[in-house]
Protein backbone atom coordinates (compact mmCIF):
# COMPACT_ATOMS: atom_id res chain seq x y z
CA MET A 1 31.34 -1.63 11.39
CA SER A 2 29.38 -4.99 10.51
CA GLU A 3 26.25 -6.25 12.57
CA HIS A 4 25.27 -9.46 12.47
CA MET A 5 21.64 -11.92 13.79
CA PRO A 6 20.57 -15.60 12.57
CA HIS A 7 19.91 -16.87 9.39
CA TRP A 8 16.71 -15.77 8.83
CA LEU A 9 15.18 -19.10 7.30
CA THR A 10 17.36 -20.85 8.89
CA LYS A 11 15.31 -19.07 12.47
CA GLN A 12 11.94 -19.32 11.44
CA ALA A 13 12.57 -22.74 10.45
CA SER A 14 13.27 -23.67 13.51
CA LEU A 15 10.72 -21.00 15.58
CA SER A 16 8.05 -22.79 13.27
CA PRO A 17 9.30 -25.23 11.13
CA ASN A 18 5.90 -26.95 10.36
CA LYS A 19 4.34 -23.48 9.45
CA VAL A 20 3.41 -23.59 5.39
CA ALA A 21 5.83 -20.57 4.13
CA ILE A 22 5.11 -20.90 0.66
CA GLU A 23 1.34 -21.44 -0.44
CA THR A 24 0.83 -21.61 -4.30
CA ALA A 25 -2.66 -23.84 -6.58
CA ASP A 26 -0.67 -26.91 -6.19
CA LYS A 27 1.31 -27.15 -3.46
CA GLN A 28 2.51 -25.96 -0.40
CA ILE A 29 5.89 -25.95 1.74
CA THR A 30 6.67 -25.24 4.67
CA PHE A 31 9.74 -23.06 6.47
CA LEU A 32 12.12 -26.56 7.46
CA GLU A 33 11.40 -27.81 3.43
CA LEU A 34 12.00 -24.15 2.59
CA LYS A 35 14.87 -24.24 4.78
CA GLU A 36 16.27 -27.61 3.45
CA THR A 37 16.01 -27.15 0.31
CA SER A 38 17.28 -24.37 0.32
CA GLU A 39 20.81 -25.06 1.80
CA ARG A 40 20.82 -28.06 -0.60
CA PHE A 41 20.13 -26.55 -3.77
CA ALA A 42 22.72 -24.01 -2.08
CA ARG A 43 25.57 -26.50 -1.99
CA LYS A 44 24.46 -27.22 -5.70
CA LEU A 45 25.42 -24.28 -6.86
CA SER A 46 28.87 -23.96 -4.42
CA SER A 47 30.05 -27.16 -6.70
CA LEU A 48 29.20 -24.34 -10.08
CA GLY A 49 32.34 -21.67 -8.04
CA VAL A 50 29.43 -20.04 -6.20
CA LYS A 51 31.36 -18.14 -3.84
CA ARG A 52 30.86 -14.84 -1.12
CA GLY A 53 30.23 -11.79 -3.00
CA ASP A 54 29.40 -13.22 -6.89
CA PRO A 55 26.26 -11.41 -8.46
CA VAL A 56 24.47 -14.25 -9.89
CA ALA A 57 21.08 -13.59 -12.00
CA ILE A 58 17.80 -15.24 -11.28
CA LEU A 59 15.67 -14.84 -14.50
CA SER A 60 12.22 -16.48 -14.17
CA THR A 61 8.61 -15.49 -13.98
CA ASN A 62 6.86 -15.82 -9.95
CA HIS A 63 7.70 -19.98 -9.51
CA VAL A 64 8.68 -21.89 -5.74
CA ASN A 65 12.21 -21.60 -7.27
CA MET A 66 13.04 -18.26 -7.35
CA ALA A 67 12.18 -18.50 -3.78
CA ILE A 68 14.40 -21.46 -3.09
CA THR A 69 17.45 -19.69 -4.82
CA VAL A 70 17.15 -16.12 -3.43
CA HIS A 71 17.51 -18.29 0.14
CA ALA A 72 19.94 -20.15 -1.21
CA LEU A 73 22.48 -17.52 -2.65
CA SER A 74 22.01 -15.83 0.40
CA TYR A 75 23.58 -19.16 2.15
CA LEU A 76 26.70 -19.03 -0.14
CA LYS A 77 26.67 -15.35 1.28
CA ALA A 78 26.14 -14.37 -3.08
CA VAL A 79 24.13 -11.58 -4.53
CA ALA A 80 20.93 -12.03 -6.17
CA VAL A 81 20.77 -10.32 -9.33
CA MET A 82 16.71 -9.86 -10.07
CA LEU A 83 16.27 -9.88 -13.78
CA ASN A 84 12.31 -8.65 -14.94
CA THR A 85 11.24 -11.60 -17.84
CA ARG A 86 10.14 -8.32 -19.78
CA LEU A 87 12.71 -6.76 -21.29
CA THR A 88 14.28 -7.83 -24.69
CA THR A 89 17.61 -9.34 -25.09
CA ASP A 90 19.47 -6.50 -25.88
CA GLU A 91 17.97 -4.72 -22.45
CA LEU A 92 18.40 -8.05 -19.91
CA THR A 93 22.60 -8.34 -21.46
CA TYR A 94 22.76 -4.47 -20.51
CA GLN A 95 21.83 -5.49 -16.77
CA LEU A 96 24.24 -8.67 -16.88
CA SER A 97 27.46 -6.74 -18.21
CA SER A 98 26.29 -3.99 -15.48
CA SER A 99 25.90 -6.24 -12.83
CA GLU A 100 28.73 -8.47 -13.98
CA ALA A 101 26.70 -11.30 -12.92
CA LYS A 102 28.81 -14.67 -12.56
CA LEU A 103 25.87 -17.66 -13.68
CA ILE A 104 22.30 -16.89 -14.91
CA ILE A 105 19.65 -19.02 -13.49
CA THR A 106 16.66 -19.47 -15.31
CA THR A 107 13.80 -21.66 -17.31
CA GLU A 108 14.19 -23.77 -20.65
CA MET A 109 11.53 -21.45 -21.68
CA LEU A 110 13.40 -18.76 -20.92
CA ARG A 111 16.81 -19.57 -22.22
CA ASP A 112 15.16 -20.38 -25.65
CA GLU A 113 13.52 -17.11 -25.92
CA LYS A 114 15.72 -13.83 -25.05
CA LYS A 115 19.00 -16.25 -26.69
CA LEU A 116 21.43 -14.28 -24.11
CA SER A 117 25.58 -14.90 -25.00
CA HIS A 118 26.13 -15.22 -21.22
CA PRO A 119 28.72 -18.30 -21.04
CA TYR A 120 27.00 -19.68 -18.06
CA GLN A 121 23.42 -20.14 -18.02
CA LYS A 122 21.47 -23.25 -16.06
CA THR A 123 17.96 -24.31 -15.66
CA PHE A 124 16.81 -24.95 -11.98
CA GLN A 125 16.64 -28.55 -12.97
CA GLU A 126 19.30 -28.52 -14.01
CA ILE A 127 20.71 -27.25 -11.62
CA PHE A 128 18.32 -30.05 -9.32
CA LEU A 129 20.07 -32.51 -10.54
CA LEU A 130 23.78 -31.28 -9.82
CA GLN A 131 25.56 -33.16 -6.83
CA GLU A 132 26.29 -31.32 -3.67
CA LYS A 133 29.36 -30.01 -2.60
CA ASP A 134 30.15 -29.95 1.03
CA THR A 135 30.20 -26.52 1.92
CA GLU A 136 29.99 -24.36 4.82
CA LEU A 137 26.64 -22.29 4.94
CA ALA A 138 26.55 -19.06 6.44
CA THR A 139 24.68 -19.36 9.74
CA HIS A 140 24.32 -16.03 10.00
CA ILE A 141 23.92 -13.12 7.88
CA ASP A 142 25.88 -9.48 8.27
CA LEU A 143 22.96 -6.86 7.58
CA HIS A 144 25.56 -4.57 5.77
CA ASP A 145 26.57 -7.29 3.34
CA PRO A 146 25.03 -6.61 -0.21
CA PHE A 147 22.37 -9.40 -0.84
CA THR A 148 20.05 -8.89 -3.49
CA MET A 149 20.85 -6.17 -6.57
CA MET A 150 18.45 -4.92 -9.24
CA PHE A 151 17.30 -2.43 -11.56
CA THR A 152 15.41 0.46 -11.78
CA SER A 153 12.53 1.26 -14.66
CA GLY A 154 14.98 3.43 -16.64
CA THR A 155 11.75 5.62 -18.22
CA THR A 156 14.02 8.21 -19.37
CA GLY A 157 17.94 7.08 -19.93
CA PHE A 158 19.52 3.69 -18.95
CA PRO A 159 18.64 1.75 -15.84
CA LYS A 160 20.92 1.47 -12.76
CA ALA A 161 21.36 -1.00 -10.49
CA VAL A 162 20.51 -0.68 -6.99
CA VAL A 163 22.27 -2.80 -4.45
CA HIS A 164 20.64 -3.56 -1.06
CA THR A 165 21.20 -5.03 1.80
CA TYR A 166 19.98 -7.51 4.60
CA ASN A 167 19.77 -4.22 6.79
CA ASN A 168 17.83 -2.53 3.50
CA HIS A 169 15.39 -5.76 3.76
CA TRP A 170 15.05 -5.95 7.17
CA TRP A 171 14.30 -2.47 7.19
CA SER A 172 11.49 -2.39 5.17
CA ALA A 173 10.08 -5.77 5.97
CA ILE A 174 9.80 -4.49 10.30
CA SER A 175 8.80 -0.85 8.91
CA SER A 176 5.73 -2.40 7.43
CA VAL A 177 4.49 -4.44 10.44
CA LEU A 178 4.70 -1.98 12.97
CA ASN A 179 1.93 -0.07 10.73
CA LEU A 180 -0.46 -2.83 9.92
CA GLY A 181 0.46 -5.47 12.76
CA LEU A 182 0.55 -9.20 12.44
CA THR A 183 -1.53 -11.86 13.58
CA ARG A 184 -1.08 -15.77 13.35
CA GLU A 185 -3.77 -15.73 10.53
CA ASP A 186 -1.99 -13.56 8.21
CA LYS A 187 -1.37 -15.07 5.10
CA TRP A 188 0.10 -12.75 2.34
CA LEU A 189 -1.36 -12.52 -1.67
CA LEU A 190 1.55 -11.97 -3.71
CA THR A 191 0.78 -10.95 -7.11
CA LEU A 192 3.53 -9.06 -8.20
CA PRO A 193 6.43 -10.19 -10.50
CA ILE A 194 8.90 -11.93 -7.12
CA PHE A 195 11.90 -9.32 -10.14
CA HIS A 196 10.31 -6.65 -9.21
CA VAL A 197 11.30 -5.08 -5.48
CA GLY A 198 7.63 -5.04 -3.91
CA GLY A 199 7.18 -8.91 -5.06
CA LEU A 200 10.47 -9.64 -3.41
CA SER A 201 9.84 -7.59 -0.54
CA ILE A 202 6.73 -10.09 0.40
CA LEU A 203 8.77 -13.36 0.50
CA LEU A 204 11.42 -11.72 2.71
CA ARG A 205 8.77 -11.06 4.57
CA SER A 206 7.44 -15.01 5.33
CA VAL A 207 10.60 -15.35 6.39
CA ILE A 208 11.44 -12.51 8.96
CA TYR A 209 7.65 -12.85 10.54
CA GLY A 210 6.70 -16.21 10.22
CA MET A 211 4.46 -15.55 7.62
CA THR A 212 2.15 -17.71 5.28
CA VAL A 213 2.04 -16.02 1.28
CA TYR A 214 0.07 -17.44 -1.13
CA LEU A 215 1.84 -17.01 -4.28
CA MET A 216 -0.13 -16.41 -7.50
CA GLU A 217 2.46 -17.65 -10.50
CA LYS A 218 0.43 -15.57 -13.01
CA TYR A 219 -2.18 -12.85 -12.48
CA ASN A 220 -4.86 -13.67 -13.30
CA LYS A 221 -7.89 -11.11 -13.19
CA LYS A 222 -10.65 -14.17 -13.38
CA VAL A 223 -9.60 -15.56 -10.03
CA LEU A 224 -7.59 -12.84 -7.85
CA LEU A 225 -11.77 -12.92 -6.52
CA TYR A 226 -11.62 -16.22 -5.43
CA VAL A 227 -8.11 -16.31 -3.86
CA LEU A 228 -8.96 -13.70 -2.07
CA ASN A 229 -12.01 -15.96 -0.83
CA GLU A 230 -11.25 -19.24 -0.79
CA LYS A 231 -7.73 -18.93 0.67
CA LYS A 232 -8.34 -17.17 3.75
CA ILE A 233 -5.65 -13.90 2.35
CA THR A 234 -5.61 -11.62 5.38
CA ILE A 235 -3.25 -8.94 3.37
CA ALA A 236 -2.60 -8.41 -0.42
CA SER A 237 -0.52 -6.56 -2.23
CA LEU A 238 -2.11 -5.52 -5.73
CA VAL A 239 -1.46 -2.58 -8.54
CA THR A 240 -4.32 -0.05 -9.38
CA LEU A 241 -4.91 -2.36 -12.38
CA MET A 242 -5.67 -5.16 -10.31
CA LEU A 243 -7.84 -3.04 -8.27
CA ARG A 244 -9.72 -2.10 -11.39
CA ASN A 245 -10.36 -5.76 -11.78
CA LEU A 246 -11.57 -6.23 -8.61
CA LEU A 247 -14.45 -3.74 -8.33
CA ASP A 248 -15.82 -5.08 -11.21
CA ASP A 249 -16.14 -8.21 -9.78
CA ILE A 250 -16.96 -7.91 -6.52
CA ASP A 251 -20.74 -6.32 -6.99
CA GLU A 252 -22.36 -9.30 -7.06
CA THR A 253 -20.53 -11.09 -4.05
CA GLY A 254 -19.58 -8.37 -1.49
CA PHE A 255 -15.72 -7.57 -0.28
CA PRO A 256 -14.88 -10.77 1.73
CA SER A 257 -14.74 -9.40 5.06
CA HIS A 258 -11.71 -11.59 6.26
CA ILE A 259 -9.57 -9.33 4.28
CA ARG A 260 -7.79 -6.35 6.53
CA CYS A 261 -5.58 -4.96 4.09
CA ILE A 262 -5.25 -4.22 0.11
CA LEU A 263 -2.31 -2.69 -0.30
CA LEU A 264 -2.03 -0.16 -3.84
CA GLY A 265 1.60 0.83 -5.42
CA GLY A 266 2.56 1.55 -8.56
CA GLY A 267 1.32 5.29 -9.66
CA SER A 268 -1.51 8.16 -8.69
CA VAL A 269 -5.02 6.25 -8.79
CA PRO A 270 -8.03 8.07 -9.48
CA GLU A 271 -10.06 10.05 -7.78
CA SER A 272 -12.78 8.37 -9.65
CA LEU A 273 -11.23 4.73 -8.30
CA LEU A 274 -10.84 5.80 -4.40
CA LYS A 275 -14.71 6.92 -4.31
CA LEU A 276 -15.30 3.56 -5.34
CA VAL A 277 -13.18 2.01 -3.01
CA LYS A 278 -14.54 4.07 -0.23
CA GLN A 279 -17.94 2.99 -0.71
CA ASN A 280 -17.27 -0.41 -1.07
CA GLY A 281 -15.52 -0.12 2.04
CA ILE A 282 -12.54 -1.63 0.96
CA PRO A 283 -9.59 -0.95 4.08
CA LEU A 284 -7.33 0.74 1.14
CA PHE A 285 -3.48 1.34 1.96
CA GLN A 286 -1.94 3.67 -0.32
CA SER A 287 1.66 2.83 -0.63
CA TYR A 288 5.06 5.31 -1.91
CA GLY A 289 7.99 3.62 -2.25
CA MET A 290 11.50 2.91 -5.16
CA THR A 291 13.35 0.25 -5.79
CA GLU A 292 15.62 2.40 -4.06
CA THR A 293 13.59 2.36 -1.02
CA SER A 294 13.64 -1.72 -0.68
CA SER A 295 9.13 -0.86 -1.04
CA GLN A 296 6.66 1.28 0.31
CA ILE A 297 8.91 3.39 2.53
CA VAL A 298 5.02 5.77 3.19
CA THR A 299 0.72 4.32 3.65
CA LEU A 300 -0.94 5.40 4.87
CA ASN A 301 -2.22 3.33 8.36
CA MET A 302 -5.38 1.57 9.10
CA ASP A 303 -7.18 4.53 11.61
CA ASP A 304 -7.05 7.08 7.65
CA ALA A 305 -7.42 4.49 5.60
CA LEU A 306 -10.59 6.00 4.46
CA SER A 307 -10.47 9.62 5.55
CA LYS A 308 -7.02 10.15 3.87
CA LEU A 309 -7.36 8.29 0.46
CA GLY A 310 -5.62 9.94 -2.04
CA SER A 311 -2.69 10.76 0.42
CA ALA A 312 0.41 8.37 0.17
CA GLY A 313 0.29 7.90 3.71
CA LYS A 314 2.80 9.18 6.03
CA PRO A 315 6.47 7.77 6.48
CA LEU A 316 6.92 4.15 8.08
CA PHE A 317 8.53 4.31 11.29
CA PRO A 318 11.67 5.01 11.10
CA ALA A 319 11.93 6.87 8.08
CA GLU A 320 12.00 10.93 6.99
CA VAL A 321 10.10 12.47 4.44
CA THR A 322 10.79 16.19 3.52
CA ILE A 323 9.65 18.77 0.35
CA ASP A 324 12.94 20.07 -0.74
CA CYS A 325 12.33 23.89 -2.34
CA PRO A 326 8.49 23.71 -2.43
CA ASP A 327 6.78 26.39 -4.14
CA GLU A 328 3.90 28.67 -3.25
CA ALA A 329 1.78 25.27 -3.45
CA GLY A 330 3.87 23.26 -1.32
CA ILE A 331 5.27 21.06 -3.76
CA GLY A 332 8.59 20.31 -3.96
CA GLU A 333 10.64 17.46 -4.63
CA ILE A 334 10.23 13.69 -2.53
CA TRP A 335 13.96 13.33 -0.60
CA VAL A 336 13.74 10.04 1.47
CA ARG A 337 15.67 9.26 4.66
CA GLY A 338 16.36 6.18 6.20
CA PRO A 339 17.44 2.24 7.03
CA MET A 340 15.57 0.63 4.22
CA VAL A 341 17.02 3.39 1.85
CA MET A 342 19.57 1.67 -0.71
CA ASN A 343 23.57 2.58 -0.26
CA GLY A 344 23.58 4.01 -3.27
CA TYR A 345 23.36 2.32 -7.27
CA LYS A 346 26.50 1.04 -8.54
CA ASN A 347 27.25 3.37 -9.95
CA GLU A 348 29.20 6.15 -8.61
CA GLU A 349 28.03 9.18 -10.38
CA ALA A 350 24.59 8.16 -9.81
CA ASN A 351 25.56 8.25 -6.35
CA LYS A 352 26.84 12.13 -6.66
CA LYS A 353 23.73 13.37 -7.95
CA SER A 354 21.56 10.67 -6.15
CA PHE A 355 22.54 12.20 -2.83
CA VAL A 356 23.25 15.12 -0.42
CA ASN A 357 23.26 14.65 3.08
CA GLY A 358 22.17 11.22 3.51
CA TRP A 359 18.44 12.36 1.40
CA PHE A 360 17.75 10.42 -1.76
CA LYS A 361 16.34 12.78 -4.47
CA THR A 362 13.64 10.23 -5.45
CA GLY A 363 12.65 12.55 -8.16
CA ASP A 364 9.29 12.52 -7.55
CA LEU A 365 6.91 16.16 -7.06
CA GLY A 366 4.20 16.06 -4.35
CA HIS A 367 2.81 18.30 -1.05
CA ILE A 368 2.65 17.31 3.08
CA ASP A 369 -0.39 18.00 3.89
CA ASN A 370 -0.67 20.16 7.66
CA GLU A 371 -1.06 17.37 9.23
CA GLY A 372 1.53 15.24 7.61
CA PHE A 373 0.35 13.27 4.89
CA LEU A 374 2.72 12.66 1.60
CA PHE A 375 0.39 13.54 -1.73
CA ILE A 376 2.58 12.85 -4.91
CA VAL A 377 1.88 15.03 -7.59
CA ASP A 378 3.74 14.25 -10.41
CA ARG A 379 7.40 13.35 -11.86
CA ARG A 380 9.61 16.51 -11.63
CA SER A 381 10.65 14.90 -15.28
CA ASP A 382 7.32 14.91 -16.26
CA LEU A 383 6.18 18.32 -15.10
CA ILE A 384 4.73 21.03 -17.59
CA ILE A 385 5.87 24.97 -17.47
CA SER A 386 3.42 26.52 -20.28
CA GLY A 387 4.16 30.45 -19.13
CA GLY A 388 5.21 30.72 -15.72
CA GLU A 389 2.70 27.97 -14.78
CA ASN A 390 2.82 24.54 -13.29
CA ILE A 391 1.06 22.22 -14.72
CA TYR A 392 1.32 18.39 -13.48
CA PRO A 393 0.60 15.90 -16.05
CA THR A 394 -1.84 13.30 -12.86
CA GLU A 395 -3.54 15.82 -12.65
CA ILE A 396 -5.31 15.77 -15.82
CA GLU A 397 -5.10 12.49 -16.70
CA ASN A 398 -7.23 11.68 -13.23
CA VAL A 399 -10.22 14.10 -14.91
CA LEU A 400 -10.21 12.38 -18.16
CA LEU A 401 -10.83 8.88 -16.73
CA GLU A 402 -13.73 10.09 -14.72
CA LEU A 403 -14.93 10.06 -18.47
CA ASP A 404 -16.37 6.60 -19.32
CA GLU A 405 -15.10 6.67 -22.87
CA ILE A 406 -11.96 7.04 -21.85
CA ASN A 407 -9.59 3.17 -20.58
CA GLU A 408 -5.94 5.03 -20.83
CA ALA A 409 -4.84 8.22 -20.82
CA ALA A 410 -1.22 10.44 -20.72
CA VAL A 411 -0.12 13.91 -21.09
CA VAL A 412 3.53 15.73 -21.79
CA GLY A 413 4.06 19.15 -22.60
CA LYS A 414 4.35 20.02 -26.61
CA SER A 415 7.37 23.17 -26.97
CA ASP A 416 5.32 26.19 -27.95
CA PHE A 417 6.86 29.58 -29.54
CA PHE A 418 5.05 31.57 -27.07
CA TRP A 419 4.08 30.18 -23.90
CA GLY A 420 7.31 27.78 -23.30
CA GLU A 421 5.08 24.22 -23.19
CA VAL A 422 1.85 23.44 -23.78
CA PRO A 423 -0.34 20.49 -22.28
CA VAL A 424 -1.06 17.83 -24.61
CA ALA A 425 -2.96 14.18 -24.09
CA PHE A 426 -3.12 11.19 -25.59
CA VAL A 427 -6.01 8.55 -25.26
CA VAL A 428 -7.00 5.02 -25.57
CA SER A 429 -10.99 5.08 -25.35
CA LYS A 430 -13.22 2.46 -25.47
CA GLU A 431 -15.70 3.69 -27.77
CA LYS A 432 -15.35 6.88 -30.15
CA VAL A 433 -15.79 10.21 -28.64
CA ALA A 434 -14.66 13.50 -30.01
CA ALA A 435 -11.97 15.49 -28.46
CA GLU A 436 -13.64 19.02 -28.69
CA SER A 437 -16.09 16.38 -26.58
CA ILE A 438 -13.24 16.13 -23.81
CA GLN A 439 -11.88 19.30 -23.87
CA HIS A 440 -15.53 20.74 -23.61
CA TYR A 441 -15.80 18.17 -20.43
CA LEU A 442 -11.71 19.22 -19.03
CA ALA A 443 -13.40 22.98 -18.98
CA LYS A 444 -15.58 22.79 -16.03
CA ARG A 445 -12.97 21.12 -14.00
CA LEU A 446 -9.77 22.82 -15.05
CA ALA A 447 -8.08 26.15 -15.09
CA THR A 448 -7.68 26.63 -18.80
CA TYR A 449 -4.29 26.35 -18.92
CA LYS A 450 -4.53 23.03 -18.15
CA ILE A 451 -6.35 21.79 -20.58
CA PRO A 452 -4.48 19.23 -23.01
CA LYS A 453 -4.43 21.94 -26.36
CA GLU A 454 -4.06 19.03 -28.41
CA ILE A 455 -5.60 15.44 -27.81
CA TYR A 456 -4.77 12.59 -30.02
CA PHE A 457 -6.18 8.80 -30.41
CA ILE A 458 -4.09 6.36 -30.01
CA ALA A 459 -4.12 1.79 -29.68
CA SER A 460 -1.87 1.40 -27.14
CA LEU A 461 -0.13 3.89 -24.34
CA PRO A 462 3.71 2.43 -24.27
CA ARG A 463 5.37 1.27 -22.06
CA ASN A 464 8.56 -0.75 -20.15
CA ALA A 465 8.47 -3.88 -19.17
CA SER A 466 7.72 -2.09 -15.68
CA ASN A 467 4.28 -1.12 -16.96
CA LYS A 468 4.94 1.89 -16.58
CA VAL A 469 4.49 4.80 -19.17
CA LEU A 470 7.31 6.02 -21.14
CA ARG A 471 6.25 10.22 -22.02
CA HIS A 472 9.73 10.37 -23.20
CA GLN A 473 8.57 8.55 -26.13
CA LEU A 474 5.20 10.24 -26.64
CA LYS A 475 7.15 13.78 -25.92
CA SER A 476 9.49 12.53 -29.20
CA ARG A 477 6.05 12.00 -30.97
CA VAL A 478 5.10 15.37 -30.73
CA ASN A 479 8.25 17.40 -30.78
CA LEU A 480 9.58 16.61 -34.16
């Protein structure tokens, strides 16, 4: 069943033609300018044979041209395949094959760097120089049509292609605004990569809300506080590392009073960091989401932002969250459903394993308190079972990060003949510290069975292109 509405960008260009849609360090582009440029770009893509339903890959760092391309593809009803620039050539080749992309749109630098064997590659500039083809562009969108495709992180196996419909992105945007609200002065700082759903969703909220987005083309911790202050940002999406950098700088200047929301995603936050957030009165909204849920699906609201620090919040309207088969502590796998959840992967076998009666099995572990707030514990695949006891690596890691000497930490299970598994820790330290002193500190905070039996000091934790720790690589080091 089709469900149509006016094309988002065309509608917003009619409602707010002179309002700034995207601002960068050196330019501003209004909604009308964005519409007209995207339409011209669509006609140029049409001259290359791009048509409805065609998957077209975009390989680029943050740039206005990315936004233009995404909107141009929507005018042709093609599918934007978002590729992560941090991936290797082999990884990109796998994703291009899986997506069946007809064309790659990239930059000259990335084309030269990645040396992809795909036969059809064009830079943004090459397309801008093409002649426009007289093509009928979409005036309306069918909400159930596919709009974007991006790949999961692949921390434990091959990444899977997630297909988002317009409906998924629409409800993601509506759910967010029903929680955070919207003012005429709102300006959202986009620091996240647009090739991730967290960054892309901000661009789409811009045209749905009629809201200005300040696009940081490359994250720079030295200019983060400057941009927040001088560009009158009211909402910013950050990850934990960016929040740490912000806290390092605001001691001298204080937190900007015009910012009403810092939306934090990208995993659990150490308790020590949350205490600093509370001390500084930062309006932090923790959230929980993933590529499959088109960005956040659970978020704290304004009233609970400081009183419920540590929780991801409650499911956004109209999403639902449940805990499957909770243990005695109430911890089980998090299942979600709602119109922002993808219809499925581009892989039927994966779909059969991931959906149960409309519920999507996230693979994450958590619990819901008696007030309905969700707390994320860990990935199910990361759970350590030692002598019948469940051990959650994140709990141990948060205590490790309380030590000033430790920069990063990751805990995994090591096979043990007697216990089945025991926890061991990998630590990146700022300065020299003895393993015994770390274990002594942990003994004050954790049950004996949770204390890592071994501590390995390494230069850096292995991470994938999405900056997630590759625990399976650490496990393979200790389980030879």
